[in-house]
Amino acid sequence: TSTKKLKKGVDFYKNNSTLINLVEKNFG
């Protein structure tokens, strides 16, 4: 759960936010 891991995850989310938000909505 390092700062490096956190930053990489935030970057991944920014590049895939449309997909990730839609999956969150559809599957709860």
PDB file of all heavy atoms in Angstrom:
ATOM      1  N   THR A   1       0.836  -1.211   0.000  1.00  0.00           N
ATOM      2  CA  THR A   1       0.000   0.000   0.000  1.00  0.00           C
ATOM      3  C   THR A   1       0.868   1.257   0.000  1.00  0.00           C
ATOM      4  O   THR A   1       0.486   2.282   0.557  1.00  0.00           O
ATOM      5  CB  THR A   1      -0.921   0.006   1.233  1.00  0.00           C
ATOM      6  OG1 THR A   1      -0.122   0.095   2.422  1.00  0.00           O
ATOM      7  CG2 THR A   1      -1.767  -1.252   1.309  1.00  0.00           C
ATOM      8  N   SER A   2       2.004   1.161  -0.642  1.00  0.00           N
ATOM      9  CA  SER A   2       2.972   2.261  -0.641  1.00  0.00           C
ATOM     10  C   SER A   2       2.475   3.481  -1.418  1.00  0.00           C
ATOM     11  O   SER A   2       1.522   3.392  -2.207  1.00  0.00           O
ATOM     12  CB  SER A   2       4.296   1.791  -1.260  1.00  0.00           C
ATOM     13  OG  SER A   2       4.102   1.459  -2.628  1.00  0.00           O
ATOM     14  N   THR A   3       3.135   4.599  -1.215  1.00  0.00           N
ATOM     15  CA  THR A   3       2.821   5.825  -1.959  1.00  0.00           C
ATOM     16  C   THR A   3       3.004   5.607  -3.457  1.00  0.00           C
ATOM     17  O   THR A   3       2.214   6.099  -4.272  1.00  0.00           O
ATOM     18  CB  THR A   3       3.734   6.974  -1.483  1.00  0.00           C
ATOM     19  OG1 THR A   3       3.543   7.173  -0.080  1.00  0.00           O
ATOM     20  CG2 THR A   3       3.397   8.263  -2.224  1.00  0.00           C
ATOM     21  N   LYS A   4       4.020   4.855  -3.825  1.00  0.00           N
ATOM     22  CA  LYS A   4       4.282   4.542  -5.232  1.00  0.00           C
ATOM     23  C   LYS A   4       3.131   3.744  -5.836  1.00  0.00           C
ATOM     24  O   LYS A   4       2.682   4.018  -6.958  1.00  0.00           O
ATOM     25  CB  LYS A   4       5.586   3.756  -5.347  1.00  0.00           C
ATOM     26  CG  LYS A   4       6.010   3.470  -6.780  1.00  0.00           C
ATOM     27  CD  LYS A   4       7.354   2.739  -6.792  1.00  0.00           C
ATOM     28  CE  LYS A   4       7.785   2.427  -8.232  1.00  0.00           C
ATOM     29  NZ  LYS A   4       9.087   1.704  -8.253  1.00  0.00           N
ATOM     30  N   LYS A   5       2.630   2.768  -5.081  1.00  0.00           N
ATOM     31  CA  LYS A   5       1.496   1.963  -5.546  1.00  0.00           C
ATOM     32  C   LYS A   5       0.256   2.832  -5.700  1.00  0.00           C
ATOM     33  O   LYS A   5      -0.496   2.711  -6.673  1.00  0.00           O
ATOM     34  CB  LYS A   5       1.227   0.842  -4.544  1.00  0.00           C
ATOM     35  CG  LYS A   5       0.059  -0.072  -4.905  1.00  0.00           C
ATOM     36  CD  LYS A   5       0.469  -1.186  -5.825  1.00  0.00           C
ATOM     37  CE  LYS A   5       1.280  -2.222  -5.101  1.00  0.00           C
ATOM     38  NZ  LYS A   5       1.685  -3.336  -5.983  1.00  0.00           N
ATOM     39  N   LEU A   6       0.053   3.713  -4.742  1.00  0.00           N
ATOM     40  CA  LEU A   6      -1.106   4.610  -4.764  1.00  0.00           C
ATOM     41  C   LEU A   6      -1.067   5.516  -5.989  1.00  0.00           C
ATOM     42  O   LEU A   6      -2.067   5.668  -6.696  1.00  0.00           O
ATOM     43  CB  LEU A   6      -1.132   5.439  -3.483  1.00  0.00           C
ATOM     44  CG  LEU A   6      -2.369   6.288  -3.220  1.00  0.00           C
ATOM     45  CD1 LEU A   6      -3.598   5.414  -3.083  1.00  0.00           C
ATOM     46  CD2 LEU A   6      -2.172   7.124  -1.959  1.00  0.00           C
ATOM     47  N   LYS A   7       0.084   6.099  -6.265  1.00  0.00           N
ATOM     48  CA  LYS A   7       0.227   6.996  -7.416  1.00  0.00           C
ATOM     49  C   LYS A   7      -0.018   6.253  -8.730  1.00  0.00           C
ATOM     50  O   LYS A   7      -0.698   6.759  -9.628  1.00  0.00           O
ATOM     51  CB  LYS A   7       1.619   7.622  -7.433  1.00  0.00           C
ATOM     52  CG  LYS A   7       1.829   8.613  -8.585  1.00  0.00           C
ATOM     53  CD  LYS A   7       3.233   9.179  -8.588  1.00  0.00           C
ATOM     54  CE  LYS A   7       3.404  10.223  -9.693  1.00  0.00           C
ATOM     55  NZ  LYS A   7       3.035   9.720 -11.030  1.00  0.00           N
ATOM     56  N   LYS A   8       0.515   5.041  -8.817  1.00  0.00           N
ATOM     57  CA  LYS A   8       0.325   4.264 -10.042  1.00  0.00           C
ATOM     58  C   LYS A   8      -1.149   3.943 -10.245  1.00  0.00           C
ATOM     59  O   LYS A   8      -1.662   3.955 -11.371  1.00  0.00           O
ATOM     60  CB  LYS A   8       1.146   2.975  -9.977  1.00  0.00           C
ATOM     61  CG  LYS A   8       1.185   2.223 -11.295  1.00  0.00           C
ATOM     62  CD  LYS A   8       2.344   1.251 -11.345  1.00  0.00           C
ATOM     63  CE  LYS A   8       2.454   0.652 -12.735  1.00  0.00           C
ATOM     64  NZ  LYS A   8       3.652  -0.179 -12.907  1.00  0.00           N
ATOM     65  N   GLY A   9      -1.852   3.659  -9.160  1.00  0.00           N
ATOM     66  CA  GLY A   9      -3.281   3.376  -9.243  1.00  0.00           C
ATOM     67  C   GLY A   9      -4.095   4.580  -9.665  1.00  0.00           C
ATOM     68  O   GLY A   9      -5.040   4.457 -10.453  1.00  0.00           O
ATOM     69  N   VAL A  10      -3.738   5.736  -9.151  1.00  0.00           N
ATOM     70  CA  VAL A  10      -4.434   6.969  -9.543  1.00  0.00           C
ATOM     71  C   VAL A  10      -4.226   7.237 -11.033  1.00  0.00           C
ATOM     72  O   VAL A  10      -5.167   7.604 -11.754  1.00  0.00           O
ATOM     73  CB  VAL A  10      -3.941   8.162  -8.699  1.00  0.00           C
ATOM     74  CG1 VAL A  10      -4.488   9.471  -9.250  1.00  0.00           C
ATOM     75  CG2 VAL A  10      -4.349   7.987  -7.239  1.00  0.00           C
ATOM     76  N   ASP A  11      -3.012   7.043 -11.506  1.00  0.00           N
ATOM     77  CA  ASP A  11      -2.726   7.226 -12.937  1.00  0.00           C
ATOM     78  C   ASP A  11      -3.523   6.237 -13.790  1.00  0.00           C
ATOM     79  O   ASP A  11      -4.061   6.591 -14.842  1.00  0.00           O
ATOM     80  CB  ASP A  11      -1.229   7.059 -13.216  1.00  0.00           C
ATOM     81  CG  ASP A  11      -0.400   8.192 -12.654  1.00  0.00           C
ATOM     82  OD1 ASP A  11      -0.976   9.269 -12.375  1.00  0.00           O
ATOM     83  OD2 ASP A  11       0.828   8.015 -12.475  1.00  0.00           O
ATOM     84  N   PHE A  12      -3.599   4.983 -13.319  1.00  0.00           N
ATOM     85  CA  PHE A  12      -4.356   3.966 -14.053  1.00  0.00           C
ATOM     86  C   PHE A  12      -5.828   4.358 -14.108  1.00  0.00           C
ATOM     87  O   PHE A  12      -6.487   4.219 -15.149  1.00  0.00           O
ATOM     88  CB  PHE A  12      -4.203   2.593 -13.394  1.00  0.00           C
ATOM     89  CG  PHE A  12      -4.924   1.498 -14.118  1.00  0.00           C
ATOM     90  CD1 PHE A  12      -4.335   0.848 -15.190  1.00  0.00           C
ATOM     91  CD2 PHE A  12      -6.207   1.126 -13.735  1.00  0.00           C
ATOM     92  CE1 PHE A  12      -5.008  -0.157 -15.874  1.00  0.00           C
ATOM     93  CE2 PHE A  12      -6.894   0.128 -14.410  1.00  0.00           C
ATOM     94  CZ  PHE A  12      -6.289  -0.518 -15.485  1.00  0.00           C
ATOM     95  N   TYR A  13      -6.346   4.867 -12.989  1.00  0.00           N
ATOM     96  CA  TYR A  13      -7.747   5.276 -12.957  1.00  0.00           C
ATOM     97  C   TYR A  13      -8.011   6.415 -13.943  1.00  0.00           C
ATOM     98  O   TYR A  13      -9.010   6.398 -14.678  1.00  0.00           O
ATOM     99  CB  TYR A  13      -8.146   5.710 -11.546  1.00  0.00           C
ATOM    100  CG  TYR A  13      -9.532   6.324 -11.498  1.00  0.00           C
ATOM    101  CD1 TYR A  13     -10.663   5.533 -11.678  1.00  0.00           C
ATOM    102  CD2 TYR A  13      -9.693   7.697 -11.326  1.00  0.00           C
ATOM    103  CE1 TYR A  13     -11.935   6.089 -11.664  1.00  0.00           C
ATOM    104  CE2 TYR A  13     -10.956   8.261 -11.306  1.00  0.00           C
ATOM    105  CZ  TYR A  13     -12.077   7.456 -11.481  1.00  0.00           C
ATOM    106  OH  TYR A  13     -13.327   8.005 -11.485  1.00  0.00           O
ATOM    107  N   LYS A  14      -7.133   7.386 -13.977  1.00  0.00           N
ATOM    108  CA  LYS A  14      -7.316   8.524 -14.892  1.00  0.00           C
ATOM    109  C   LYS A  14      -7.378   8.068 -16.343  1.00  0.00           C
ATOM    110  O   LYS A  14      -8.127   8.625 -17.147  1.00  0.00           O
ATOM    111  CB  LYS A  14      -6.175   9.526 -14.710  1.00  0.00           C
ATOM    112  CG  LYS A  14      -6.242  10.304 -13.401  1.00  0.00           C
ATOM    113  CD  LYS A  14      -5.045  11.225 -13.245  1.00  0.00           C
ATOM    114  CE  LYS A  14      -5.109  12.011 -11.943  1.00  0.00           C
ATOM    115  NZ  LYS A  14      -3.896  12.855 -11.729  1.00  0.00           N
ATOM    116  N   ASN A  15      -6.602   7.041 -16.671  1.00  0.00           N
ATOM    117  CA  ASN A  15      -6.564   6.548 -18.054  1.00  0.00           C
ATOM    118  C   ASN A  15      -7.707   5.591 -18.380  1.00  0.00           C
ATOM    119  O   ASN A  15      -7.941   5.287 -19.553  1.00  0.00           O
ATOM    120  CB  ASN A  15      -5.230   5.837 -18.320  1.00  0.00           C
ATOM    121  CG  ASN A  15      -4.050   6.794 -18.300  1.00  0.00           C
ATOM    122  OD1 ASN A  15      -4.169   7.957 -18.675  1.00  0.00           O
ATOM    123  ND2 ASN A  15      -2.901   6.309 -17.845  1.00  0.00           N
ATOM    124  N   ASN A  16      -8.406   5.116 -17.342  1.00  0.00           N
ATOM    125  CA  ASN A  16      -9.472   4.124 -17.565  1.00  0.00           C
ATOM    126  C   ASN A  16     -10.748   4.479 -16.803  1.00  0.00           C
ATOM    127  O   ASN A  16     -11.568   3.610 -16.516  1.00  0.00           O
ATOM    128  CB  ASN A  16      -8.999   2.737 -17.121  1.00  0.00           C
ATOM    129  CG  ASN A  16      -7.815   2.224 -17.914  1.00  0.00           C
ATOM    130  OD1 ASN A  16      -7.963   1.616 -18.966  1.00  0.00           O
ATOM    131  ND2 ASN A  16      -6.619   2.467 -17.402  1.00  0.00           N
ATOM    132  N   SER A  17     -10.935   5.754 -16.499  1.00  0.00           N
ATOM    133  CA  SER A  17     -12.030   6.168 -15.618  1.00  0.00           C
ATOM    134  C   SER A  17     -13.419   5.853 -16.185  1.00  0.00           C
ATOM    135  O   SER A  17     -14.327   5.481 -15.440  1.00  0.00           O
ATOM    136  CB  SER A  17     -11.929   7.660 -15.306  1.00  0.00           C
ATOM    137  OG  SER A  17     -11.975   8.424 -16.489  1.00  0.00           O
ATOM    138  N   THR A  18     -13.596   5.979 -17.488  1.00  0.00           N
ATOM    139  CA  THR A  18     -14.910   5.712 -18.088  1.00  0.00           C
ATOM    140  C   THR A  18     -15.317   4.264 -17.838  1.00  0.00           C
ATOM    141  O   THR A  18     -16.439   3.979 -17.386  1.00  0.00           O
ATOM    142  CB  THR A  18     -14.894   5.990 -19.600  1.00  0.00           C
ATOM    143  OG1 THR A  18     -14.553   7.360 -19.812  1.00  0.00           O
ATOM    144  CG2 THR A  18     -16.257   5.711 -20.209  1.00  0.00           C
ATOM    145  N   LEU A  19     -14.414   3.339 -18.131  1.00  0.00           N
ATOM    146  CA  LEU A  19     -14.685   1.917 -17.905  1.00  0.00           C
ATOM    147  C   LEU A  19     -14.909   1.627 -16.429  1.00  0.00           C
ATOM    148  O   LEU A  19     -15.894   0.972 -16.056  1.00  0.00           O
ATOM    149  CB  LEU A  19     -13.505   1.076 -18.412  1.00  0.00           C
ATOM    150  CG  LEU A  19     -13.484  -0.382 -17.964  1.00  0.00           C
ATOM    151  CD1 LEU A  19     -14.622  -1.158 -18.597  1.00  0.00           C
ATOM    152  CD2 LEU A  19     -12.134  -1.029 -18.283  1.00  0.00           C
ATOM    153  N   ILE A  20     -14.017   2.106 -15.574  1.00  0.00           N
ATOM    154  CA  ILE A  20     -14.073   1.776 -14.150  1.00  0.00           C
ATOM    155  C   ILE A  20     -15.341   2.325 -13.496  1.00  0.00           C
ATOM    156  O   ILE A  20     -15.996   1.644 -12.700  1.00  0.00           O
ATOM    157  CB  ILE A  20     -12.809   2.297 -13.436  1.00  0.00           C
ATOM    158  CG1 ILE A  20     -11.578   1.540 -13.952  1.00  0.00           C
ATOM    159  CG2 ILE A  20     -12.924   2.140 -11.925  1.00  0.00           C
ATOM    160  CD1 ILE A  20     -10.242   2.094 -13.497  1.00  0.00           C
ATOM    161  N   ASN A  21     -15.728   3.546 -13.841  1.00  0.00           N
ATOM    162  CA  ASN A  21     -16.950   4.132 -13.284  1.00  0.00           C
ATOM    163  C   ASN A  21     -18.195   3.379 -13.752  1.00  0.00           C
ATOM    164  O   ASN A  21     -19.153   3.201 -12.991  1.00  0.00           O
ATOM    165  CB  ASN A  21     -17.050   5.607 -13.679  1.00  0.00           C
ATOM    166  CG  ASN A  21     -16.019   6.472 -12.974  1.00  0.00           C
ATOM    167  OD1 ASN A  21     -15.519   6.111 -11.908  1.00  0.00           O
ATOM    168  ND2 ASN A  21     -15.674   7.604 -13.573  1.00  0.00           N
ATOM    169  N   LEU A  22     -18.185   2.941 -15.005  1.00  0.00           N
ATOM    170  CA  LEU A  22     -19.327   2.196 -15.541  1.00  0.00           C
ATOM    171  C   LEU A  22     -19.455   0.831 -14.862  1.00  0.00           C
ATOM    172  O   LEU A  22     -20.561   0.400 -14.508  1.00  0.00           O
ATOM    173  CB  LEU A  22     -19.163   2.022 -17.052  1.00  0.00           C
ATOM    174  CG  LEU A  22     -20.349   1.374 -17.799  1.00  0.00           C
ATOM    175  CD1 LEU A  22     -21.606   2.227 -17.628  1.00  0.00           C
ATOM    176  CD2 LEU A  22     -20.012   1.217 -19.281  1.00  0.00           C
ATOM    177  N   VAL A  23     -18.349   0.175 -14.652  1.00  0.00           N
ATOM    178  CA  VAL A  23     -18.357  -1.126 -13.971  1.00  0.00           C
ATOM    179  C   VAL A  23     -18.845  -0.964 -12.533  1.00  0.00           C
ATOM    180  O   VAL A  23     -19.646  -1.767 -12.035  1.00  0.00           O
ATOM    181  CB  VAL A  23     -16.947  -1.765 -14.010  1.00  0.00           C
ATOM    182  CG1 VAL A  23     -16.854  -2.930 -13.033  1.00  0.00           C
ATOM    183  CG2 VAL A  23     -16.619  -2.240 -15.421  1.00  0.00           C
ATOM    184  N   GLU A  24     -18.382   0.091 -11.863  1.00  0.00           N
ATOM    185  CA  GLU A  24     -18.848   0.350 -10.497  1.00  0.00           C
ATOM    186  C   GLU A  24     -20.364   0.522 -10.472  1.00  0.00           C
ATOM    187  O   GLU A  24     -21.060  -0.050  -9.619  1.00  0.00           O
ATOM    188  CB  GLU A  24     -18.176   1.595  -9.929  1.00  0.00           C
ATOM    189  CG  GLU A  24     -18.663   1.943  -8.524  1.00  0.00           C
ATOM    190  CD  GLU A  24     -18.042   3.229  -7.984  1.00  0.00           C
ATOM    191  OE1 GLU A  24     -17.872   4.178  -8.770  1.00  0.00           O
ATOM    192  OE2 GLU A  24     -17.741   3.269  -6.781  1.00  0.00           O
ATOM    193  N   LYS A  25     -20.889   1.264 -11.415  1.00  0.00           N
ATOM    194  CA  LYS A  25     -22.326   1.522 -11.478  1.00  0.00           C
ATOM    195  C   LYS A  25     -23.119   0.249 -11.773  1.00  0.00           C
ATOM    196  O   LYS A  25     -24.157  -0.011 -11.166  1.00  0.00           O
ATOM    197  CB  LYS A  25     -22.609   2.572 -12.567  1.00  0.00           C
ATOM    198  CG  LYS A  25     -24.087   2.905 -12.742  1.00  0.00           C
ATOM    199  CD  LYS A  25     -24.280   3.933 -13.851  1.00  0.00           C
ATOM    200  CE  LYS A  25     -25.755   4.216 -14.073  1.00  0.00           C
ATOM    201  NZ  LYS A  25     -25.959   5.181 -15.203  1.00  0.00           N
ATOM    202  N   ASN A  26     -22.624  -0.566 -12.700  1.00  0.00           N
ATOM    203  CA  ASN A  26     -23.366  -1.756 -13.134  1.00  0.00           C
ATOM    204  C   ASN A  26     -23.312  -2.904 -12.131  1.00  0.00           C
ATOM    205  O   ASN A  26     -24.245  -3.717 -12.072  1.00  0.00           O
ATOM    206  CB  ASN A  26     -22.829  -2.244 -14.483  1.00  0.00           C
ATOM    207  CG  ASN A  26     -23.191  -1.305 -15.621  1.00  0.00           C
ATOM    208  OD1 ASN A  26     -24.116  -0.506 -15.502  1.00  0.00           O
ATOM    209  ND2 ASN A  26     -22.474  -1.404 -16.726  1.00  0.00           N
ATOM    210  N   PHE A  27     -22.239  -2.984 -11.361  1.00  0.00           N
ATOM    211  CA  PHE A  27     -22.064  -4.142 -10.475  1.00  0.00           C
ATOM    212  C   PHE A  27     -22.108  -3.805  -8.984  1.00  0.00           C
ATOM    213  O   PHE A  27     -22.072  -4.710  -8.149  1.00  0.00           O
ATOM    214  CB  PHE A  27     -20.748  -4.857 -10.798  1.00  0.00           C
ATOM    215  CG  PHE A  27     -20.732  -5.490 -12.163  1.00  0.00           C
ATOM    216  CD1 PHE A  27     -20.255  -4.794 -13.254  1.00  0.00           C
ATOM    217  CD2 PHE A  27     -21.217  -6.777 -12.357  1.00  0.00           C
ATOM    218  CE1 PHE A  27     -20.239  -5.370 -14.519  1.00  0.00           C
ATOM    219  CE2 PHE A  27     -21.211  -7.362 -13.612  1.00  0.00           C
ATOM    220  CZ  PHE A  27     -20.723  -6.658 -14.705  1.00  0.00           C
ATOM    221  N   GLY A  28     -22.155  -2.531  -8.646  1.00  0.00           N
ATOM    222  CA  GLY A  28     -22.258  -2.152  -7.240  1.00  0.00           C
ATOM    223  C   GLY A  28     -21.023  -2.467  -6.425  1.00  0.00           C
ATOM    224  O   GLY A  28     -21.106  -2.792  -5.233  1.00  0.00           O
TER     225      GLY A  28
END
